[in-house]
PDB file of all heavy atoms in Angstrom:
ATOM      1  N   PHE A   1      -6.164 -30.457  -2.951  1.00  0.00           N
ATOM      2  CA  PHE A   1      -6.184 -31.908  -2.806  1.00  0.00           C
ATOM      3  C   PHE A   1      -4.758 -32.457  -2.728  1.00  0.00           C
ATOM      4  O   PHE A   1      -4.538 -33.656  -2.852  1.00  0.00           O
ATOM      5  CB  PHE A   1      -6.994 -32.565  -3.927  1.00  0.00           C
ATOM      6  CG  PHE A   1      -8.415 -32.092  -3.948  1.00  0.00           C
ATOM      7  CD1 PHE A   1      -8.801 -31.021  -4.746  1.00  0.00           C
ATOM      8  CD2 PHE A   1      -9.372 -32.689  -3.144  1.00  0.00           C
ATOM      9  CE1 PHE A   1     -10.106 -30.568  -4.759  1.00  0.00           C
ATOM     10  CE2 PHE A   1     -10.685 -32.240  -3.154  1.00  0.00           C
ATOM     11  CZ  PHE A   1     -11.056 -31.183  -3.957  1.00  0.00           C
ATOM     12  N   VAL A   2      -3.800 -31.582  -2.560  1.00  0.00           N
ATOM     13  CA  VAL A   2      -2.431 -31.879  -2.178  1.00  0.00           C
ATOM     14  C   VAL A   2      -1.936 -30.635  -1.446  1.00  0.00           C
ATOM     15  O   VAL A   2      -2.289 -29.512  -1.800  1.00  0.00           O
ATOM     16  CB  VAL A   2      -1.549 -32.202  -3.407  1.00  0.00           C
ATOM     17  CG1 VAL A   2      -1.479 -31.021  -4.353  1.00  0.00           C
ATOM     18  CG2 VAL A   2      -0.153 -32.611  -2.972  1.00  0.00           C
ATOM     19  N   TRP A   3      -1.148 -30.806  -0.399  1.00  0.00           N
ATOM     20  CA  TRP A   3      -0.794 -29.693   0.477  1.00  0.00           C
ATOM     21  C   TRP A   3       0.478 -28.997   0.009  1.00  0.00           C
ATOM     22  O   TRP A   3       1.485 -29.627  -0.266  1.00  0.00           O
ATOM     23  CB  TRP A   3      -0.622 -30.187   1.903  1.00  0.00           C
ATOM     24  CG  TRP A   3      -0.221 -29.126   2.882  1.00  0.00           C
ATOM     25  CD1 TRP A   3       0.915 -29.085   3.605  1.00  0.00           C
ATOM     26  CD2 TRP A   3      -0.971 -27.963   3.240  1.00  0.00           C
ATOM     27  NE1 TRP A   3       0.942 -27.977   4.407  1.00  0.00           N
ATOM     28  CE2 TRP A   3      -0.219 -27.254   4.188  1.00  0.00           C
ATOM     29  CE3 TRP A   3      -2.200 -27.439   2.840  1.00  0.00           C
ATOM     30  CZ2 TRP A   3      -0.648 -26.056   4.757  1.00  0.00           C
ATOM     31  CZ3 TRP A   3      -2.637 -26.247   3.405  1.00  0.00           C
ATOM     32  CH2 TRP A   3      -1.870 -25.577   4.346  1.00  0.00           C
ATOM     33  N   MET A   4       0.395 -27.629  -0.086  1.00  0.00           N
ATOM     34  CA  MET A   4       1.550 -26.795  -0.413  1.00  0.00           C
ATOM     35  C   MET A   4       1.582 -25.652   0.585  1.00  0.00           C
ATOM     36  O   MET A   4       0.589 -24.922   0.729  1.00  0.00           O
ATOM     37  CB  MET A   4       1.429 -26.237  -1.842  1.00  0.00           C
ATOM     38  CG  MET A   4       1.343 -27.297  -2.924  1.00  0.00           C
ATOM     39  SD  MET A   4       0.979 -26.584  -4.553  1.00  0.00           S
ATOM     40  CE  MET A   4      -0.751 -26.126  -4.330  1.00  0.00           C
ATOM     41  N   GLU A   5       2.701 -25.474   1.293  1.00  0.00           N
ATOM     42  CA  GLU A   5       2.759 -24.428   2.303  1.00  0.00           C
ATOM     43  C   GLU A   5       4.028 -23.595   2.160  1.00  0.00           C
ATOM     44  O   GLU A   5       5.029 -24.050   1.587  1.00  0.00           O
ATOM     45  CB  GLU A   5       2.692 -25.015   3.712  1.00  0.00           C
ATOM     46  CG  GLU A   5       3.933 -25.748   4.151  1.00  0.00           C
ATOM     47  CD  GLU A   5       3.834 -26.227   5.595  1.00  0.00           C
ATOM     48  OE1 GLU A   5       2.716 -26.457   6.066  1.00  0.00           O
ATOM     49  OE2 GLU A   5       4.889 -26.381   6.236  1.00  0.00           O
ATOM     50  N   ALA A   6       3.986 -22.377   2.698  1.00  0.00           N
ATOM     51  CA  ALA A   6       5.165 -21.525   2.767  1.00  0.00           C
ATOM     52  C   ALA A   6       6.019 -21.944   3.958  1.00  0.00           C
ATOM     53  O   ALA A   6       5.606 -22.762   4.796  1.00  0.00           O
ATOM     54  CB  ALA A   6       4.742 -20.072   2.894  1.00  0.00           C
ATOM     55  N   ASN A   7       7.226 -21.385   4.037  1.00  0.00           N
ATOM     56  CA  ASN A   7       8.070 -21.687   5.191  1.00  0.00           C
ATOM     57  C   ASN A   7       7.364 -21.250   6.465  1.00  0.00           C
ATOM     58  O   ASN A   7       6.943 -20.094   6.586  1.00  0.00           O
ATOM     59  CB  ASN A   7       9.417 -20.974   5.067  1.00  0.00           C
ATOM     60  CG  ASN A   7      10.245 -21.513   3.921  1.00  0.00           C
ATOM     61  OD1 ASN A   7      10.216 -22.709   3.644  1.00  0.00           O
ATOM     62  ND2 ASN A   7      10.979 -20.631   3.243  1.00  0.00           N
ATOM     63  N   PRO A   8       7.175 -22.126   7.448  1.00  0.00           N
ATOM     64  CA  PRO A   8       6.460 -21.759   8.675  1.00  0.00           C
ATOM     65  C   PRO A   8       7.242 -20.712   9.489  1.00  0.00           C
ATOM     66  O   PRO A   8       8.464 -20.605   9.387  1.00  0.00           O
ATOM     67  CB  PRO A   8       6.341 -23.087   9.416  1.00  0.00           C
ATOM     68  CG  PRO A   8       7.427 -23.940   8.880  1.00  0.00           C
ATOM     69  CD  PRO A   8       7.644 -23.522   7.465  1.00  0.00           C
ATOM     70  N   LEU A   9       6.528 -19.939  10.302  1.00  0.00           N
ATOM     71  CA  LEU A   9       7.120 -18.898  11.144  1.00  0.00           C
ATOM     72  C   LEU A   9       7.050 -19.326  12.606  1.00  0.00           C
ATOM     73  O   LEU A   9       5.969 -19.617  13.126  1.00  0.00           O
ATOM     74  CB  LEU A   9       6.366 -17.580  10.956  1.00  0.00           C
ATOM     75  CG  LEU A   9       6.766 -16.441  11.904  1.00  0.00           C
ATOM     76  CD1 LEU A   9       8.172 -15.967  11.573  1.00  0.00           C
ATOM     77  CD2 LEU A   9       5.755 -15.290  11.824  1.00  0.00           C
ATOM     78  N   LYS A  10       8.212 -19.383  13.258  1.00  0.00           N
ATOM     79  CA  LYS A  10       8.247 -19.698  14.687  1.00  0.00           C
ATOM     80  C   LYS A  10       7.629 -18.536  15.469  1.00  0.00           C
ATOM     81  O   LYS A  10       8.049 -17.383  15.338  1.00  0.00           O
ATOM     82  CB  LYS A  10       9.682 -19.912  15.152  1.00  0.00           C
ATOM     83  CG  LYS A  10      10.347 -21.162  14.585  1.00  0.00           C
ATOM     84  CD  LYS A  10       9.815 -22.414  15.268  1.00  0.00           C
ATOM     85  CE  LYS A  10      10.584 -23.657  14.790  1.00  0.00           C
ATOM     86  NZ  LYS A  10      10.104 -24.879  15.449  1.00  0.00           N
ATOM     87  N   LEU A  11       6.645 -18.840  16.263  1.00  0.00           N
ATOM     88  CA  LEU A  11       5.980 -17.796  17.044  1.00  0.00           C
ATOM     89  C   LEU A  11       6.729 -17.551  18.350  1.00  0.00           C
ATOM     90  O   LEU A  11       7.185 -18.507  19.002  1.00  0.00           O
ATOM     91  CB  LEU A  11       4.541 -18.192  17.345  1.00  0.00           C
ATOM     92  CG  LEU A  11       3.589 -18.202  16.150  1.00  0.00           C
ATOM     93  CD1 LEU A  11       2.218 -18.713  16.572  1.00  0.00           C
ATOM     94  CD2 LEU A  11       3.462 -16.812  15.542  1.00  0.00           C
ATOM     95  N   PRO A  12       6.888 -16.318  18.735  1.00  0.00           N
ATOM     96  CA  PRO A  12       7.547 -16.043  20.022  1.00  0.00           C
ATOM     97  C   PRO A  12       6.737 -16.636  21.177  1.00  0.00           C
ATOM     98  O   PRO A  12       5.532 -16.436  21.264  1.00  0.00           O
ATOM     99  CB  PRO A  12       7.585 -14.511  20.082  1.00  0.00           C
ATOM    100  CG  PRO A  12       6.596 -14.026  19.081  1.00  0.00           C
ATOM    101  CD  PRO A  12       6.500 -15.088  18.047  1.00  0.00           C
ATOM    102  N   GLY A  13       7.418 -17.381  22.029  1.00  0.00           N
ATOM    103  CA  GLY A  13       6.747 -18.031  23.148  1.00  0.00           C
ATOM    104  C   GLY A  13       6.142 -19.367  22.803  1.00  0.00           C
ATOM    105  O   GLY A  13       5.637 -20.078  23.692  1.00  0.00           O
ATOM    106  N   GLY A  14       6.163 -19.751  21.505  1.00  0.00           N
ATOM    107  CA  GLY A  14       5.627 -21.049  21.119  1.00  0.00           C
ATOM    108  C   GLY A  14       4.112 -21.068  21.083  1.00  0.00           C
ATOM    109  O   GLY A  14       3.438 -20.042  21.193  1.00  0.00           O
ATOM    110  N   VAL A  15       3.547 -22.270  20.919  1.00  0.00           N
ATOM    111  CA  VAL A  15       2.098 -22.480  20.868  1.00  0.00           C
ATOM    112  C   VAL A  15       1.751 -23.543  21.896  1.00  0.00           C
ATOM    113  O   VAL A  15       2.364 -24.626  21.913  1.00  0.00           O
ATOM    114  CB  VAL A  15       1.630 -22.916  19.463  1.00  0.00           C
ATOM    115  CG1 VAL A  15       0.127 -23.149  19.448  1.00  0.00           C
ATOM    116  CG2 VAL A  15       2.008 -21.867  18.416  1.00  0.00           C
ATOM    117  N   HIS A  16       0.754 -23.258  22.722  1.00  0.00           N
ATOM    118  CA  HIS A  16       0.394 -24.174  23.819  1.00  0.00           C
ATOM    119  C   HIS A  16      -1.116 -24.355  23.859  1.00  0.00           C
ATOM    120  O   HIS A  16      -1.883 -23.507  23.392  1.00  0.00           O
ATOM    121  CB  HIS A  16       0.890 -23.619  25.155  1.00  0.00           C
ATOM    122  CG  HIS A  16       2.345 -23.245  25.138  1.00  0.00           C
ATOM    123  ND1 HIS A  16       3.356 -24.171  25.247  1.00  0.00           N
ATOM    124  CD2 HIS A  16       2.949 -22.018  24.995  1.00  0.00           C
ATOM    125  CE1 HIS A  16       4.530 -23.554  25.191  1.00  0.00           C
ATOM    126  NE2 HIS A  16       4.311 -22.236  25.042  1.00  0.00           N
ATOM    127  N   SER A  17      -1.547 -25.447  24.428  1.00  0.00           N
ATOM    128  CA  SER A  17      -2.972 -25.695  24.601  1.00  0.00           C
ATOM    129  C   SER A  17      -3.494 -24.854  25.750  1.00  0.00           C
ATOM    130  O   SER A  17      -2.733 -24.374  26.608  1.00  0.00           O
ATOM    131  CB  SER A  17      -3.219 -27.186  24.873  1.00  0.00           C
ATOM    132  OG  SER A  17      -2.554 -27.593  26.060  1.00  0.00           O
ATOM    133  N   SER A  18      -4.809 -24.674  25.738  1.00  0.00           N
ATOM    134  CA  SER A  18      -5.521 -23.911  26.785  1.00  0.00           C
ATOM    135  C   SER A  18      -5.115 -22.443  26.819  1.00  0.00           C
ATOM    136  O   SER A  18      -5.302 -21.763  27.837  1.00  0.00           O
ATOM    137  CB  SER A  18      -5.318 -24.561  28.169  1.00  0.00           C
ATOM    138  OG  SER A  18      -5.765 -25.898  28.155  1.00  0.00           O
ATOM    139  N   VAL A  19      -4.538 -21.928  25.751  1.00  0.00           N
ATOM    140  CA  VAL A  19      -4.159 -20.518  25.634  1.00  0.00           C
ATOM    141  C   VAL A  19      -4.903 -19.927  24.439  1.00  0.00           C
ATOM    142  O   VAL A  19      -4.944 -20.526  23.369  1.00  0.00           O
ATOM    143  CB  VAL A  19      -2.630 -20.357  25.459  1.00  0.00           C
ATOM    144  CG1 VAL A  19      -2.277 -18.877  25.254  1.00  0.00           C
ATOM    145  CG2 VAL A  19      -1.886 -20.917  26.664  1.00  0.00           C
ATOM    146  N   TRP A  20      -5.456 -18.732  24.635  1.00  0.00           N
ATOM    147  CA  TRP A  20      -6.175 -18.074  23.546  1.00  0.00           C
ATOM    148  C   TRP A  20      -5.198 -17.306  22.660  1.00  0.00           C
ATOM    149  O   TRP A  20      -4.334 -16.578  23.153  1.00  0.00           O
ATOM    150  CB  TRP A  20      -7.231 -17.110  24.087  1.00  0.00           C
ATOM    151  CG  TRP A  20      -8.460 -17.807  24.610  1.00  0.00           C
ATOM    152  CD1 TRP A  20      -8.758 -18.065  25.901  1.00  0.00           C
ATOM    153  CD2 TRP A  20      -9.529 -18.338  23.826  1.00  0.00           C
ATOM    154  NE1 TRP A  20      -9.947 -18.725  26.023  1.00  0.00           N
ATOM    155  CE2 TRP A  20     -10.457 -18.909  24.734  1.00  0.00           C
ATOM    156  CE3 TRP A  20      -9.813 -18.404  22.468  1.00  0.00           C
ATOM    157  CZ2 TRP A  20     -11.638 -19.516  24.349  1.00  0.00           C
ATOM    158  CZ3 TRP A  20     -10.995 -19.006  22.075  1.00  0.00           C
ATOM    159  CH2 TRP A  20     -11.892 -19.568  22.982  1.00  0.00           C
ATOM    160  N   TYR A  21      -5.395 -17.488  21.322  1.00  0.00           N
ATOM    161  CA  TYR A  21      -4.598 -16.763  20.325  1.00  0.00           C
ATOM    162  C   TYR A  21      -5.567 -16.052  19.376  1.00  0.00           C
ATOM    163  O   TYR A  21      -6.575 -16.625  18.975  1.00  0.00           O
ATOM    164  CB  TYR A  21      -3.711 -17.717  19.511  1.00  0.00           C
ATOM    165  CG  TYR A  21      -2.673 -18.437  20.345  1.00  0.00           C
ATOM    166  CD1 TYR A  21      -2.979 -19.632  20.998  1.00  0.00           C
ATOM    167  CD2 TYR A  21      -1.392 -17.914  20.479  1.00  0.00           C
ATOM    168  CE1 TYR A  21      -2.030 -20.287  21.759  1.00  0.00           C
ATOM    169  CE2 TYR A  21      -0.430 -18.571  21.244  1.00  0.00           C
ATOM    170  CZ  TYR A  21      -0.759 -19.761  21.876  1.00  0.00           C
ATOM    171  OH  TYR A  21       0.188 -20.405  22.642  1.00  0.00           O
ATOM    172  N   ARG A  22      -5.229 -14.807  19.029  1.00  0.00           N
ATOM    173  CA  ARG A  22      -6.042 -14.064  18.072  1.00  0.00           C
ATOM    174  C   ARG A  22      -5.398 -14.163  16.691  1.00  0.00           C
ATOM    175  O   ARG A  22      -4.265 -13.737  16.514  1.00  0.00           O
ATOM    176  CB  ARG A  22      -6.186 -12.615  18.504  1.00  0.00           C
ATOM    177  CG  ARG A  22      -6.958 -11.742  17.520  1.00  0.00           C
ATOM    178  CD  ARG A  22      -7.548 -10.528  18.198  1.00  0.00           C
ATOM    179  NE  ARG A  22      -8.551 -10.924  19.181  1.00  0.00           N
ATOM    180  CZ  ARG A  22      -9.010 -10.096  20.137  1.00  0.00           C
ATOM    181  NH1 ARG A  22      -8.539  -8.852  20.240  1.00  0.00           N
ATOM    182  NH2 ARG A  22      -9.930 -10.514  21.002  1.00  0.00           N
ATOM    183  N   LEU A  23      -6.149 -14.691  15.769  1.00  0.00           N
ATOM    184  CA  LEU A  23      -5.656 -14.894  14.402  1.00  0.00           C
ATOM    185  C   LEU A  23      -6.413 -13.973  13.474  1.00  0.00           C
ATOM    186  O   LEU A  23      -7.648 -13.928  13.477  1.00  0.00           O
ATOM    187  CB  LEU A  23      -5.829 -16.360  13.986  1.00  0.00           C
ATOM    188  CG  LEU A  23      -5.251 -16.802  12.635  1.00  0.00           C
ATOM    189  CD1 LEU A  23      -4.882 -18.274  12.692  1.00  0.00           C
ATOM    190  CD2 LEU A  23      -6.225 -16.572  11.481  1.00  0.00           C
ATOM    191  N   ARG A  24      -5.673 -13.211  12.635  1.00  0.00           N
ATOM    192  CA  ARG A  24      -6.254 -12.346  11.620  1.00  0.00           C
ATOM    193  C   ARG A  24      -5.594 -12.677  10.284  1.00  0.00           C
ATOM    194  O   ARG A  24      -4.370 -12.792  10.207  1.00  0.00           O
ATOM    195  CB  ARG A  24      -6.059 -10.868  11.961  1.00  0.00           C
ATOM    196  CG  ARG A  24      -6.796 -10.424  13.208  1.00  0.00           C
ATOM    197  CD  ARG A  24      -6.598  -8.929  13.477  1.00  0.00           C
ATOM    198  NE  ARG A  24      -7.332  -8.115  12.481  1.00  0.00           N
ATOM    199  CZ  ARG A  24      -6.752  -7.325  11.600  1.00  0.00           C
ATOM    200  NH1 ARG A  24      -5.419  -7.234  11.558  1.00  0.00           N
ATOM    201  NH2 ARG A  24      -7.475  -6.593  10.754  1.00  0.00           N
ATOM    202  N   ALA A  25      -6.418 -12.817   9.249  1.00  0.00           N
ATOM    203  CA  ALA A  25      -5.902 -13.131   7.913  1.00  0.00           C
ATOM    204  C   ALA A  25      -6.624 -12.273   6.893  1.00  0.00           C
ATOM    205  O   ALA A  25      -7.861 -12.215   6.884  1.00  0.00           O
ATOM    206  CB  ALA A  25      -6.098 -14.608   7.593  1.00  0.00           C
ATOM    207  N   THR A  26      -5.843 -11.585   6.050  1.00  0.00           N
ATOM    208  CA  THR A  26      -6.385 -10.711   5.011  1.00  0.00           C
ATOM    209  C   THR A  26      -5.989 -11.259   3.644  1.00  0.00           C
ATOM    210  O   THR A  26      -4.804 -11.501   3.388  1.00  0.00           O
ATOM    211  CB  THR A  26      -5.863  -9.278   5.164  1.00  0.00           C
ATOM    212  OG1 THR A  26      -6.307  -8.757   6.423  1.00  0.00           O
ATOM    213  CG2 THR A  26      -6.389  -8.383   4.047  1.00  0.00           C
ATOM    214  N   ALA A  27      -6.973 -11.440   2.780  1.00  0.00           N
ATOM    215  CA  ALA A  27      -6.732 -11.925   1.417  1.00  0.00           C
ATOM    216  C   ALA A  27      -7.187 -10.859   0.434  1.00  0.00           C
ATOM    217  O   ALA A  27      -8.375 -10.485   0.410  1.00  0.00           O
ATOM    218  CB  ALA A  27      -7.484 -13.228   1.176  1.00  0.00           C
ATOM    219  N   VAL A  28      -6.243 -10.339  -0.361  1.00  0.00           N
ATOM    220  CA  VAL A  28      -6.528  -9.327  -1.373  1.00  0.00           C
ATOM    221  C   VAL A  28      -5.824  -9.754  -2.656  1.00  0.00           C
ATOM    222  O   VAL A  28      -4.584  -9.866  -2.678  1.00  0.00           O
ATOM    223  CB  VAL A  28      -6.053  -7.930  -0.949  1.00  0.00           C
ATOM    224  CG1 VAL A  28      -6.327  -6.919  -2.057  1.00  0.00           C
ATOM    225  CG2 VAL A  28      -6.741  -7.500   0.339  1.00  0.00           C
ATOM    226  N   GLY A  29      -6.574  -9.974  -3.715  1.00  0.00           N
ATOM    227  CA  GLY A  29      -5.969 -10.442  -4.955  1.00  0.00           C
ATOM    228  C   GLY A  29      -5.295 -11.781  -4.729  1.00  0.00           C
ATOM    229  O   GLY A  29      -5.895 -12.729  -4.215  1.00  0.00           O
ATOM    230  N   CYS A  30      -4.029 -11.870  -5.128  1.00  0.00           N
ATOM    231  CA  CYS A  30      -3.269 -13.102  -4.928  1.00  0.00           C
ATOM    232  C   CYS A  30      -2.331 -12.991  -3.731  1.00  0.00           C
ATOM    233  O   CYS A  30      -1.309 -13.680  -3.668  1.00  0.00           O
ATOM    234  CB  CYS A  30      -2.462 -13.427  -6.190  1.00  0.00           C
ATOM    235  SG  CYS A  30      -3.494 -13.924  -7.603  1.00  0.00           S
ATOM    236  N   ASN A  31      -2.654 -12.147  -2.777  1.00  0.00           N
ATOM    237  CA  ASN A  31      -1.796 -11.919  -1.617  1.00  0.00           C
ATOM    238  C   ASN A  31      -2.572 -12.179  -0.338  1.00  0.00           C
ATOM    239  O   ASN A  31      -3.759 -11.817  -0.225  1.00  0.00           O
ATOM    240  CB  ASN A  31      -1.269 -10.482  -1.616  1.00  0.00           C
ATOM    241  CG  ASN A  31      -0.493 -10.159  -2.879  1.00  0.00           C
ATOM    242  OD1 ASN A  31       0.694 -10.408  -2.974  1.00  0.00           O
ATOM    243  ND2 ASN A  31      -1.194  -9.589  -3.872  1.00  0.00           N
ATOM    244  N   ILE A  32      -1.895 -12.787   0.623  1.00  0.00           N
ATOM    245  CA  ILE A  32      -2.468 -13.057   1.939  1.00  0.00           C
ATOM    246  C   ILE A  32      -1.455 -12.598   2.982  1.00  0.00           C
ATOM    247  O   ILE A  32      -0.261 -12.921   2.892  1.00  0.00           O
ATOM    248  CB  ILE A  32      -2.788 -14.547   2.135  1.00  0.00           C
ATOM    249  CG1 ILE A  32      -3.834 -15.019   1.115  1.00  0.00           C
ATOM    250  CG2 ILE A  32      -3.277 -14.819   3.548  1.00  0.00           C
ATOM    251  CD1 ILE A  32      -4.122 -16.511   1.168  1.00  0.00           C
ATOM    252  N   ALA A  33      -1.940 -11.863   3.977  1.00  0.00           N
ATOM    253  CA  ALA A  33      -1.123 -11.481   5.136  1.00  0.00           C
ATOM    254  C   ALA A  33      -1.870 -11.908   6.387  1.00  0.00           C
ATOM    255  O   ALA A  33      -3.112 -11.851   6.447  1.00  0.00           O
ATOM    256  CB  ALA A  33      -0.861  -9.976   5.149  1.00  0.00           C
ATOM    257  N   ALA A  34      -1.126 -12.365   7.406  1.00  0.00           N
ATOM    258  CA  ALA A  34      -1.762 -12.894   8.607  1.00  0.00           C
ATOM    259  C   ALA A  34      -0.932 -12.546   9.837  1.00  0.00           C
ATOM    260  O   ALA A  34       0.290 -12.346   9.754  1.00  0.00           O
ATOM    261  CB  ALA A  34      -1.948 -14.403   8.488  1.00  0.00           C
TER     262      ALA A  34
END
């Protein structure tokens, strides 16, 4: 109910509309990798 984020990562090539991106996120214990 309040936003807290890590330092964002610049993606190579940027992010654009009308382009498909595959997102994978793994959560184990108190760790998340994506």
